[in-house]
Amino acid sequence: MSDLTRLSLNTATTKRWTLREAVDGAVRAGIPSVGLWRDRVAEEGLTESARLVRDAGLRVSSLCRGGFLTAADEAGAQAALADNRAAIVEAAALGTDALILVVGGLPEGDRDLAGARARVAERIADLVPFAREHGVRLVLEPLHPMYCADRAVISTLAQALDLAAPHPAEQVAVVVDTFHVHWDPALAEGIARAGRENRIASYQVCDFNLPIARDALLSRGMMGDGVVDFASITSMIDAAGYTGDVEVEIFNAEIWDSPGDQVLSAMITRYGDLVLPHLT
């Protein structure tokens, strides 16, 4: 049996499970931590979700997700800020200091990437004081460039770190997700910089499968099934001084349709074979 001390089940990986089922499955598998999604928390209710995780003895490694901060109209901007403040409150209640932000793509009909990125910067600044009051860190997630238009106008760790730079590291940080950043020729420099700045708040792992699925969102795979070099990236993360949880977050229709306990068993095996050996 691998050392599972740092392993976390992101509940997106077992999408068909309720939060209660995911908590029970993690306990059965000996996984000590879960990364939660807000839709599953909402189904169970915030208070009950916090109780379920606490009573099971699990950590909450992160809450997904806030963000979508690129609206160009005032009503859209205020709605996004309100939703993110709600997410901050939820993260605090669940006992995690890491709220993952997918910053948002271009508003419909908009082609001004620079303008959208500027609005993200402004709205992060708006949210930082509220997050600080609640002991929550805003964790920026750069997404693969194929999602730039519709999901995240930041695609690299360097872009995420530049957005974080005006704020203290304990308030704004980044997540390194192997699916999204494995392609980046400046990845080593980005991870090293994130480590120096103490801004790595989360490490998420899954593979990048080929061919790309018809729905590109579902091209994530179990570690070892695609093209990601986990040895190299995990070694960079380790050298950067990250000592937190390693979340497995997979969006894949075939995995979603598989029995949850079977998915967790495969996840533990692949983590032990491909990721754990490169953590100290």
C-alpha atoms as a PDB file:
ATOM      1  CA  MET A   1       0.000   0.000   0.000  1.00  0.00           C
ATOM      2  CA  SER A   2       1.295   3.444  -0.996  1.00  0.00           C
ATOM      3  CA  ASP A   3       1.663   6.271   1.484  1.00  0.00           C
ATOM      4  CA  LEU A   4      -1.609   8.157   1.014  1.00  0.00           C
ATOM      5  CA  THR A   5      -0.848  10.918   3.524  1.00  0.00           C
ATOM      6  CA  ARG A   6      -0.923  13.666   0.886  1.00  0.00           C
ATOM      7  CA  LEU A   7      -3.468  12.204  -1.527  1.00  0.00           C
ATOM      8  CA  SER A   8      -6.780  14.001  -2.015  1.00  0.00           C
ATOM      9  CA  LEU A   9      -9.873  12.970  -3.949  1.00  0.00           C
ATOM     10  CA  ASN A  10     -11.271  15.883  -5.890  1.00  0.00           C
ATOM     11  CA  THR A  11     -14.959  15.058  -6.038  1.00  0.00           C
ATOM     12  CA  ALA A  12     -15.111  15.887  -9.753  1.00  0.00           C
ATOM     13  CA  THR A  13     -13.330  12.560 -10.308  1.00  0.00           C
ATOM     14  CA  THR A  14     -16.309  10.644  -8.937  1.00  0.00           C
ATOM     15  CA  LYS A  15     -18.925  12.909 -10.471  1.00  0.00           C
ATOM     16  CA  ARG A  16     -21.799  10.434 -10.087  1.00  0.00           C
ATOM     17  CA  TRP A  17     -21.283  10.249  -6.326  1.00  0.00           C
ATOM     18  CA  THR A  18     -23.001  12.621  -3.948  1.00  0.00           C
ATOM     19  CA  LEU A  19     -20.810  14.389  -1.431  1.00  0.00           C
ATOM     20  CA  ARG A  20     -21.839  11.864   1.199  1.00  0.00           C
ATOM     21  CA  GLU A  21     -20.888   8.975  -1.103  1.00  0.00           C
ATOM     22  CA  ALA A  22     -17.555  10.606  -1.952  1.00  0.00           C
ATOM     23  CA  VAL A  23     -16.735  11.090   1.730  1.00  0.00           C
ATOM     24  CA  ASP A  24     -17.636   7.487   2.489  1.00  0.00           C
ATOM     25  CA  GLY A  25     -15.616   6.270  -0.499  1.00  0.00           C
ATOM     26  CA  ALA A  26     -12.552   8.242   0.552  1.00  0.00           C
ATOM     27  CA  VAL A  27     -12.767   6.780   4.052  1.00  0.00           C
ATOM     28  CA  ARG A  28     -13.074   3.225   2.683  1.00  0.00           C
ATOM     29  CA  ALA A  29     -10.049   3.772   0.460  1.00  0.00           C
ATOM     30  CA  GLY A  30      -7.925   5.349   3.194  1.00  0.00           C
ATOM     31  CA  ILE A  31      -7.701   8.698   1.402  1.00  0.00           C
ATOM     32  CA  PRO A  32      -7.364  11.426   4.049  1.00  0.00           C
ATOM     33  CA  SER A  33      -8.442  14.498   2.098  1.00  0.00           C
ATOM     34  CA  VAL A  34     -11.103  15.672  -0.333  1.00  0.00           C
ATOM     35  CA  GLY A  35     -11.341  18.596  -2.726  1.00  0.00           C
ATOM     36  CA  LEU A  36     -14.952  19.697  -2.855  1.00  0.00           C
ATOM     37  CA  TRP A  37     -17.097  21.208  -5.596  1.00  0.00           C
ATOM     38  CA  ARG A  38     -19.707  23.759  -4.693  1.00  0.00           C
ATOM     39  CA  ASP A  39     -22.561  22.023  -6.516  1.00  0.00           C
ATOM     40  CA  ARG A  40     -22.192  18.914  -4.360  1.00  0.00           C
ATOM     41  CA  VAL A  41     -21.917  21.061  -1.227  1.00  0.00           C
ATOM     42  CA  ALA A  42     -25.098  22.905  -2.211  1.00  0.00           C
ATOM     43  CA  GLU A  43     -26.977  19.627  -2.671  1.00  0.00           C
ATOM     44  CA  GLU A  44     -26.095  18.502   0.834  1.00  0.00           C
ATOM     45  CA  GLY A  45     -26.221  21.943   2.431  1.00  0.00           C
ATOM     46  CA  LEU A  46     -23.214  23.842   3.732  1.00  0.00           C
ATOM     47  CA  THR A  47     -23.624  23.012   7.412  1.00  0.00           C
ATOM     48  CA  GLU A  48     -24.272  19.330   6.765  1.00  0.00           C
ATOM     49  CA  SER A  49     -21.384  19.125   4.279  1.00  0.00           C
ATOM     50  CA  ALA A  50     -18.978  20.557   6.832  1.00  0.00           C
ATOM     51  CA  ARG A  51     -20.266  18.128   9.452  1.00  0.00           C
ATOM     52  CA  LEU A  52     -19.951  15.113   7.127  1.00  0.00           C
ATOM     53  CA  VAL A  53     -16.330  15.847   6.297  1.00  0.00           C
ATOM     54  CA  ARG A  54     -15.422  16.716   9.876  1.00  0.00           C
ATOM     55  CA  ASP A  55     -17.068  13.629  11.355  1.00  0.00           C
ATOM     56  CA  ALA A  56     -15.308  11.437   8.796  1.00  0.00           C
ATOM     57  CA  GLY A  57     -11.941  12.830   9.928  1.00  0.00           C
ATOM     58  CA  LEU A  58     -11.070  14.168   6.472  1.00  0.00           C
ATOM     59  CA  ARG A  59      -9.299  17.360   5.445  1.00  0.00           C
ATOM     60  CA  VAL A  60     -10.721  19.650   2.774  1.00  0.00           C
ATOM     61  CA  SER A  61      -7.840  20.402   0.442  1.00  0.00           C
ATOM     62  CA  SER A  62      -9.726  22.983  -1.639  1.00  0.00           C
ATOM     63  CA  LEU A  63     -13.108  24.256  -2.739  1.00  0.00           C
ATOM     64  CA  CYS A  64     -13.906  24.525  -6.438  1.00  0.00           C
ATOM     65  CA  ARG A  65     -14.748  26.982  -7.668  1.00  0.00           C
ATOM     66  CA  GLY A  66     -15.013  30.714  -7.697  1.00  0.00           C
ATOM     67  CA  GLY A  67     -13.985  33.049 -10.479  1.00  0.00           C
ATOM     68  CA  PHE A  68     -15.686  33.973 -13.772  1.00  0.00           C
ATOM     69  CA  LEU A  69     -14.724  37.573 -13.208  1.00  0.00           C
ATOM     70  CA  THR A  70     -14.603  38.902 -16.767  1.00  0.00           C
ATOM     71  CA  ALA A  71     -18.115  40.327 -17.269  1.00  0.00           C
ATOM     72  CA  ALA A  72     -17.975  43.673 -19.065  1.00  0.00           C
ATOM     73  CA  ASP A  73     -21.284  45.019 -17.691  1.00  0.00           C
ATOM     74  CA  GLU A  74     -21.848  46.322 -14.178  1.00  0.00           C
ATOM     75  CA  ALA A  75     -24.656  43.894 -13.340  1.00  0.00           C
ATOM     76  CA  GLY A  76     -22.524  40.931 -14.412  1.00  0.00           C
ATOM     77  CA  ALA A  77     -19.555  42.207 -12.451  1.00  0.00           C
ATOM     78  CA  GLN A  78     -21.565  42.658  -9.261  1.00  0.00           C
ATOM     79  CA  ALA A  79     -23.176  39.229  -9.637  1.00  0.00           C
ATOM     80  CA  ALA A  80     -19.745  37.620 -10.018  1.00  0.00           C
ATOM     81  CA  LEU A  81     -18.381  39.423  -6.966  1.00  0.00           C
ATOM     82  CA  ALA A  82     -21.394  38.358  -4.902  1.00  0.00           C
ATOM     83  CA  ASP A  83     -20.995  34.737  -5.963  1.00  0.00           C
ATOM     84  CA  ASN A  84     -17.307  34.782  -5.102  1.00  0.00           C
ATOM     85  CA  ARG A  85     -17.990  36.256  -1.687  1.00  0.00           C
ATOM     86  CA  ALA A  86     -20.460  33.425  -1.109  1.00  0.00           C
ATOM     87  CA  ALA A  87     -17.794  30.922  -2.178  1.00  0.00           C
ATOM     88  CA  ILE A  88     -15.310  32.463   0.265  1.00  0.00           C
ATOM     89  CA  VAL A  89     -17.792  32.039   3.103  1.00  0.00           C
ATOM     90  CA  GLU A  90     -18.362  28.410   2.042  1.00  0.00           C
ATOM     91  CA  ALA A  91     -14.629  27.679   1.949  1.00  0.00           C
ATOM     92  CA  ALA A  92     -14.187  29.037   5.450  1.00  0.00           C
ATOM     93  CA  ALA A  93     -17.138  27.027   6.762  1.00  0.00           C
ATOM     94  CA  LEU A  94     -15.756  23.841   5.187  1.00  0.00           C
ATOM     95  CA  GLY A  95     -12.364  24.338   6.810  1.00  0.00           C
ATOM     96  CA  THR A  96     -10.230  25.032   3.757  1.00  0.00           C
ATOM     97  CA  ASP A  97      -8.203  28.141   3.065  1.00  0.00           C
ATOM     98  CA  ALA A  98      -7.991  27.406  -0.692  1.00  0.00           C
ATOM     99  CA  LEU A  99     -10.725  28.683  -3.012  1.00  0.00           C
ATOM    100  CA  ILE A 100      -9.854  27.747  -6.586  1.00  0.00           C
ATOM    101  CA  LEU A 101     -10.662  30.494  -9.102  1.00  0.00           C
ATOM    102  CA  VAL A 102     -11.290  29.800 -12.791  1.00  0.00           C
ATOM    103  CA  VAL A 103     -11.144  33.420 -13.861  1.00  0.00           C
ATOM    104  CA  GLY A 104     -13.522  33.286 -16.839  1.00  0.00           C
ATOM    105  CA  GLY A 105     -13.345  33.670 -20.592  1.00  0.00           C
ATOM    106  CA  LEU A 106     -14.388  36.376 -23.001  1.00  0.00           C
ATOM    107  CA  PRO A 107     -17.902  37.773 -22.662  1.00  0.00           C
ATOM    108  CA  GLU A 108     -20.101  36.994 -25.659  1.00  0.00           C
ATOM    109  CA  GLY A 109     -19.035  39.029 -28.671  1.00  0.00           C
ATOM    110  CA  ASP A 110     -15.898  40.323 -26.950  1.00  0.00           C
ATOM    111  CA  ARG A 111     -12.434  39.848 -28.459  1.00  0.00           C
ATOM    112  CA  ASP A 112     -10.460  42.046 -26.061  1.00  0.00           C
ATOM    113  CA  LEU A 113      -8.329  39.616 -24.074  1.00  0.00           C
ATOM    114  CA  ALA A 114      -6.265  42.383 -22.499  1.00  0.00           C
ATOM    115  CA  GLY A 115      -9.420  44.103 -21.296  1.00  0.00           C
ATOM    116  CA  ALA A 116     -10.808  40.884 -19.841  1.00  0.00           C
ATOM    117  CA  ARG A 117      -7.557  40.228 -18.000  1.00  0.00           C
ATOM    118  CA  ALA A 118      -7.571  43.765 -16.624  1.00  0.00           C
ATOM    119  CA  ARG A 119     -11.077  43.205 -15.241  1.00  0.00           C
ATOM    120  CA  VAL A 120      -9.895  40.000 -13.560  1.00  0.00           C
ATOM    121  CA  ALA A 121      -7.109  41.948 -11.849  1.00  0.00           C
ATOM    122  CA  GLU A 122      -9.545  44.607 -10.649  1.00  0.00           C
ATOM    123  CA  ARG A 123     -11.980  42.061  -9.250  1.00  0.00           C
ATOM    124  CA  ILE A 124      -9.324  40.048  -7.477  1.00  0.00           C
ATOM    125  CA  ALA A 125      -8.335  43.279  -5.741  1.00  0.00           C
ATOM    126  CA  ASP A 126     -11.991  43.802  -4.804  1.00  0.00           C
ATOM    127  CA  LEU A 127     -12.211  40.316  -3.276  1.00  0.00           C
ATOM    128  CA  VAL A 128      -8.923  40.181  -1.360  1.00  0.00           C
ATOM    129  CA  PRO A 129     -10.081  42.128   1.732  1.00  0.00           C
ATOM    130  CA  PHE A 130     -13.185  39.938   2.114  1.00  0.00           C
ATOM    131  CA  ALA A 131     -11.145  36.767   1.655  1.00  0.00           C
ATOM    132  CA  ARG A 132      -8.599  37.955   4.225  1.00  0.00           C
ATOM    133  CA  GLU A 133     -11.367  38.551   6.773  1.00  0.00           C
ATOM    134  CA  HIS A 134     -12.456  34.925   6.353  1.00  0.00           C
ATOM    135  CA  GLY A 135      -8.991  33.350   6.318  1.00  0.00           C
ATOM    136  CA  VAL A 136      -9.316  32.209   2.718  1.00  0.00           C
ATOM    137  CA  ARG A 137      -6.735  32.325  -0.037  1.00  0.00           C
ATOM    138  CA  LEU A 138      -7.775  33.109  -3.634  1.00  0.00           C
ATOM    139  CA  VAL A 139      -6.086  30.438  -5.752  1.00  0.00           C
ATOM    140  CA  LEU A 140      -5.752  31.304  -9.430  1.00  0.00           C
ATOM    141  CA  GLU A 141      -5.880  28.431 -11.903  1.00  0.00           C
ATOM    142  CA  PRO A 142      -4.299  28.903 -15.321  1.00  0.00           C
ATOM    143  CA  LEU A 143      -6.133  26.730 -17.843  1.00  0.00           C
ATOM    144  CA  HIS A 144      -4.876  25.158 -21.067  1.00  0.00           C
ATOM    145  CA  PRO A 145      -4.967  27.707 -23.930  1.00  0.00           C
ATOM    146  CA  MET A 146      -7.812  25.844 -25.675  1.00  0.00           C
ATOM    147  CA  TYR A 147     -10.063  27.181 -22.888  1.00  0.00           C
ATOM    148  CA  CYS A 148      -8.870  30.787 -23.155  1.00  0.00           C
ATOM    149  CA  ALA A 149     -11.989  32.121 -24.888  1.00  0.00           C
ATOM    150  CA  ASP A 150     -14.663  30.414 -22.815  1.00  0.00           C
ATOM    151  CA  ARG A 151     -13.215  29.552 -19.387  1.00  0.00           C
ATOM    152  CA  ALA A 152      -9.969  31.267 -18.442  1.00  0.00           C
ATOM    153  CA  VAL A 153      -8.178  34.185 -20.041  1.00  0.00           C
ATOM    154  CA  ILE A 154      -5.030  33.182 -18.162  1.00  0.00           C
ATOM    155  CA  SER A 155      -3.165  30.204 -19.601  1.00  0.00           C
ATOM    156  CA  THR A 156       0.242  30.120 -17.928  1.00  0.00           C
ATOM    157  CA  LEU A 157       1.652  30.112 -14.433  1.00  0.00           C
ATOM    158  CA  ALA A 158       3.515  33.296 -15.300  1.00  0.00           C
ATOM    159  CA  GLN A 159       0.225  35.070 -16.077  1.00  0.00           C
ATOM    160  CA  ALA A 160      -1.343  33.782 -12.864  1.00  0.00           C
ATOM    161  CA  LEU A 161       1.660  34.831 -10.800  1.00  0.00           C
ATOM    162  CA  ASP A 162       1.663  38.288 -12.359  1.00  0.00           C
ATOM    163  CA  LEU A 163      -1.991  38.681 -11.341  1.00  0.00           C
ATOM    164  CA  ALA A 164      -1.147  37.499  -7.842  1.00  0.00           C
ATOM    165  CA  ALA A 165       1.956  39.685  -7.479  1.00  0.00           C
ATOM    166  CA  PRO A 166       0.271  42.865  -6.154  1.00  0.00           C
ATOM    167  CA  HIS A 167      -1.117  40.916  -3.196  1.00  0.00           C
ATOM    168  CA  PRO A 168       0.444  39.077  -0.249  1.00  0.00           C
ATOM    169  CA  ALA A 169       1.180  35.413  -0.895  1.00  0.00           C
ATOM    170  CA  GLU A 170      -1.131  34.377   1.926  1.00  0.00           C
ATOM    171  CA  GLN A 171      -4.017  36.077   0.098  1.00  0.00           C
ATOM    172  CA  VAL A 172      -3.520  35.204  -3.583  1.00  0.00           C
ATOM    173  CA  ALA A 173      -1.799  32.064  -4.823  1.00  0.00           C
ATOM    174  CA  VAL A 174      -1.887  29.588  -7.718  1.00  0.00           C
ATOM    175  CA  VAL A 175      -2.766  25.985  -8.391  1.00  0.00           C
ATOM    176  CA  VAL A 176      -0.555  23.843 -10.613  1.00  0.00           C
ATOM    177  CA  ASP A 177      -2.768  21.436 -12.577  1.00  0.00           C
ATOM    178  CA  THR A 178      -0.807  19.007 -14.753  1.00  0.00           C
ATOM    179  CA  PHE A 179      -3.532  18.837 -17.407  1.00  0.00           C
ATOM    180  CA  HIS A 180      -3.463  22.578 -17.939  1.00  0.00           C
ATOM    181  CA  VAL A 181       0.233  23.437 -17.681  1.00  0.00           C
ATOM    182  CA  HIS A 182       2.219  20.414 -18.887  1.00  0.00           C
ATOM    183  CA  TRP A 183       2.686  21.949 -22.347  1.00  0.00           C
ATOM    184  CA  ASP A 184       4.222  25.246 -21.137  1.00  0.00           C
ATOM    185  CA  PRO A 185       7.871  25.652 -22.237  1.00  0.00           C
ATOM    186  CA  ALA A 186       8.386  28.022 -19.280  1.00  0.00           C
ATOM    187  CA  LEU A 187       6.818  25.632 -16.762  1.00  0.00           C
ATOM    188  CA  ALA A 188      10.013  24.984 -14.807  1.00  0.00           C
ATOM    189  CA  GLU A 189      10.592  28.712 -14.381  1.00  0.00           C
ATOM    190  CA  GLY A 190       6.956  29.258 -13.407  1.00  0.00           C
ATOM    191  CA  ILE A 191       6.942  26.561 -10.741  1.00  0.00           C
ATOM    192  CA  ALA A 192      10.271  27.719  -9.343  1.00  0.00           C
ATOM    193  CA  ARG A 193       8.995  31.301  -9.178  1.00  0.00           C
ATOM    194  CA  ALA A 194       5.763  30.177  -7.501  1.00  0.00           C
ATOM    195  CA  GLY A 195       7.846  28.336  -4.921  1.00  0.00           C
ATOM    196  CA  ARG A 196      10.097  31.313  -4.257  1.00  0.00           C
ATOM    197  CA  GLU A 197       7.042  33.511  -3.786  1.00  0.00           C
ATOM    198  CA  ASN A 198       5.319  30.915  -1.576  1.00  0.00           C
ATOM    199  CA  ARG A 199       2.291  30.929  -3.872  1.00  0.00           C
ATOM    200  CA  ILE A 200       1.702  27.231  -4.614  1.00  0.00           C
ATOM    201  CA  ALA A 201      -1.552  26.525  -2.807  1.00  0.00           C
ATOM    202  CA  SER A 202      -2.560  23.328  -4.605  1.00  0.00           C
ATOM    203  CA  TYR A 203      -1.160  20.636  -6.867  1.00  0.00           C
ATOM    204  CA  GLN A 204      -3.737  18.826  -9.015  1.00  0.00           C
ATOM    205  CA  VAL A 205      -2.888  15.810 -11.116  1.00  0.00           C
ATOM    206  CA  CYS A 206      -4.488  13.991 -14.000  1.00  0.00           C
ATOM    207  CA  ASP A 207      -3.369  13.109 -17.506  1.00  0.00           C
ATOM    208  CA  PHE A 208      -3.897  14.769 -20.887  1.00  0.00           C
ATOM    209  CA  ASN A 209      -5.506  12.179 -23.121  1.00  0.00           C
ATOM    210  CA  LEU A 210      -5.316  11.915 -26.890  1.00  0.00           C
ATOM    211  CA  PRO A 211      -7.243  12.164 -29.077  1.00  0.00           C
ATOM    212  CA  ILE A 212      -8.905  15.195 -27.529  1.00  0.00           C
ATOM    213  CA  ALA A 213     -12.507  14.396 -26.676  1.00  0.00           C
ATOM    214  CA  ARG A 214     -15.333  15.952 -28.679  1.00  0.00           C
ATOM    215  CA  ASP A 215     -16.049  17.912 -25.495  1.00  0.00           C
ATOM    216  CA  ALA A 216     -12.531  19.125 -24.736  1.00  0.00           C
ATOM    217  CA  LEU A 217     -13.406  19.472 -21.075  1.00  0.00           C
ATOM    218  CA  LEU A 218     -13.529  15.678 -20.859  1.00  0.00           C
ATOM    219  CA  SER A 219     -10.028  15.011 -22.193  1.00  0.00           C
ATOM    220  CA  ARG A 220      -8.559  14.508 -18.735  1.00  0.00           C
ATOM    221  CA  GLY A 221      -7.456  10.980 -17.930  1.00  0.00           C
ATOM    222  CA  MET A 222      -6.154   8.802 -15.159  1.00  0.00           C
ATOM    223  CA  MET A 223      -2.464   9.338 -14.545  1.00  0.00           C
ATOM    224  CA  GLY A 224      -0.476   7.204 -16.968  1.00  0.00           C
ATOM    225  CA  ASP A 225      -3.122   7.112 -19.707  1.00  0.00           C
ATOM    226  CA  GLY A 226      -1.927  10.201 -21.579  1.00  0.00           C
ATOM    227  CA  VAL A 227       1.101  12.348 -22.343  1.00  0.00           C
ATOM    228  CA  VAL A 228       1.892  14.149 -19.053  1.00  0.00           C
ATOM    229  CA  ASP A 229       5.373  13.667 -17.583  1.00  0.00           C
ATOM    230  CA  PHE A 230       4.436  13.297 -13.915  1.00  0.00           C
ATOM    231  CA  ALA A 231       7.985  12.544 -12.806  1.00  0.00           C
ATOM    232  CA  SER A 232       9.283  15.830 -14.164  1.00  0.00           C
ATOM    233  CA  ILE A 233       6.439  18.075 -13.013  1.00  0.00           C
ATOM    234  CA  THR A 234       6.140  16.498  -9.568  1.00  0.00           C
ATOM    235  CA  SER A 235       9.886  16.833  -9.070  1.00  0.00           C
ATOM    236  CA  MET A 236       9.586  20.540  -9.918  1.00  0.00           C
ATOM    237  CA  ILE A 237       6.747  20.920  -7.424  1.00  0.00           C
ATOM    238  CA  ASP A 238       8.752  19.139  -4.760  1.00  0.00           C
ATOM    239  CA  ALA A 239      11.862  21.220  -5.417  1.00  0.00           C
ATOM    240  CA  ALA A 240       9.727  24.366  -5.141  1.00  0.00           C
ATOM    241  CA  GLY A 241       8.969  23.423  -1.539  1.00  0.00           C
ATOM    242  CA  TYR A 242       5.325  22.430  -1.861  1.00  0.00           C
ATOM    243  CA  THR A 243       4.300  20.084   0.958  1.00  0.00           C
ATOM    244  CA  GLY A 244       0.506  20.158   0.675  1.00  0.00           C
ATOM    245  CA  ASP A 245      -2.084  17.756  -0.656  1.00  0.00           C
ATOM    246  CA  VAL A 246      -2.059  16.301  -4.155  1.00  0.00           C
ATOM    247  CA  GLU A 247      -5.557  16.322  -5.609  1.00  0.00           C
ATOM    248  CA  VAL A 248      -6.619  13.948  -8.352  1.00  0.00           C
ATOM    249  CA  GLU A 249      -9.157  15.836 -10.462  1.00  0.00           C
ATOM    250  CA  ILE A 250     -10.444  14.067 -13.573  1.00  0.00           C
ATOM    251  CA  PHE A 251     -13.203  15.015 -16.011  1.00  0.00           C
ATOM    252  CA  ASN A 252     -13.715  11.926 -18.146  1.00  0.00           C
ATOM    253  CA  ALA A 253     -17.015  10.326 -19.165  1.00  0.00           C
ATOM    254  CA  GLU A 254     -15.687   6.767 -19.045  1.00  0.00           C
ATOM    255  CA  ILE A 255     -14.249   7.268 -15.561  1.00  0.00           C
ATOM    256  CA  TRP A 256     -17.452   8.933 -14.392  1.00  0.00           C
ATOM    257  CA  ASP A 257     -19.417   5.901 -15.579  1.00  0.00           C
ATOM    258  CA  SER A 258     -17.146   3.452 -13.737  1.00  0.00           C
ATOM    259  CA  PRO A 259     -17.851   2.245 -10.182  1.00  0.00           C
ATOM    260  CA  GLY A 260     -16.483   4.800  -7.760  1.00  0.00           C
ATOM    261  CA  ASP A 261     -14.527   2.362  -5.610  1.00  0.00           C
ATOM    262  CA  GLN A 262     -12.866   0.992  -8.750  1.00  0.00           C
ATOM    263  CA  VAL A 263     -11.866   4.528  -9.761  1.00  0.00           C
ATOM    264  CA  LEU A 264     -10.353   5.198  -6.332  1.00  0.00           C
ATOM    265  CA  SER A 265      -8.420   1.939  -6.440  1.00  0.00           C
ATOM    266  CA  ALA A 266      -6.914   2.858  -9.818  1.00  0.00           C
ATOM    267  CA  MET A 267      -6.236   6.379  -8.583  1.00  0.00           C
ATOM    268  CA  ILE A 268      -4.301   5.104  -5.577  1.00  0.00           C
ATOM    269  CA  THR A 269      -2.243   2.724  -7.723  1.00  0.00           C
ATOM    270  CA  ARG A 270      -1.335   5.342 -10.320  1.00  0.00           C
ATOM    271  CA  TYR A 271      -0.557   7.925  -7.646  1.00  0.00           C
ATOM    272  CA  GLY A 272       1.750   5.428  -5.948  1.00  0.00           C
ATOM    273  CA  ASP A 273       3.475   4.522  -9.203  1.00  0.00           C
ATOM    274  CA  LEU A 274       3.726   7.893 -10.962  1.00  0.00           C
ATOM    275  CA  VAL A 275       3.513  10.739  -8.435  1.00  0.00           C
ATOM    276  CA  LEU A 276       4.509   9.628  -4.952  1.00  0.00           C
ATOM    277  CA  PRO A 277       8.044   8.495  -5.882  1.00  0.00           C
ATOM    278  CA  HIS A 278       8.872  12.089  -6.793  1.00  0.00           C
ATOM    279  CA  LEU A 279       7.699  13.646  -3.525  1.00  0.00           C
ATOM    280  CA  THR A 280      10.037  13.887  -0.561  1.00  0.00           C
END
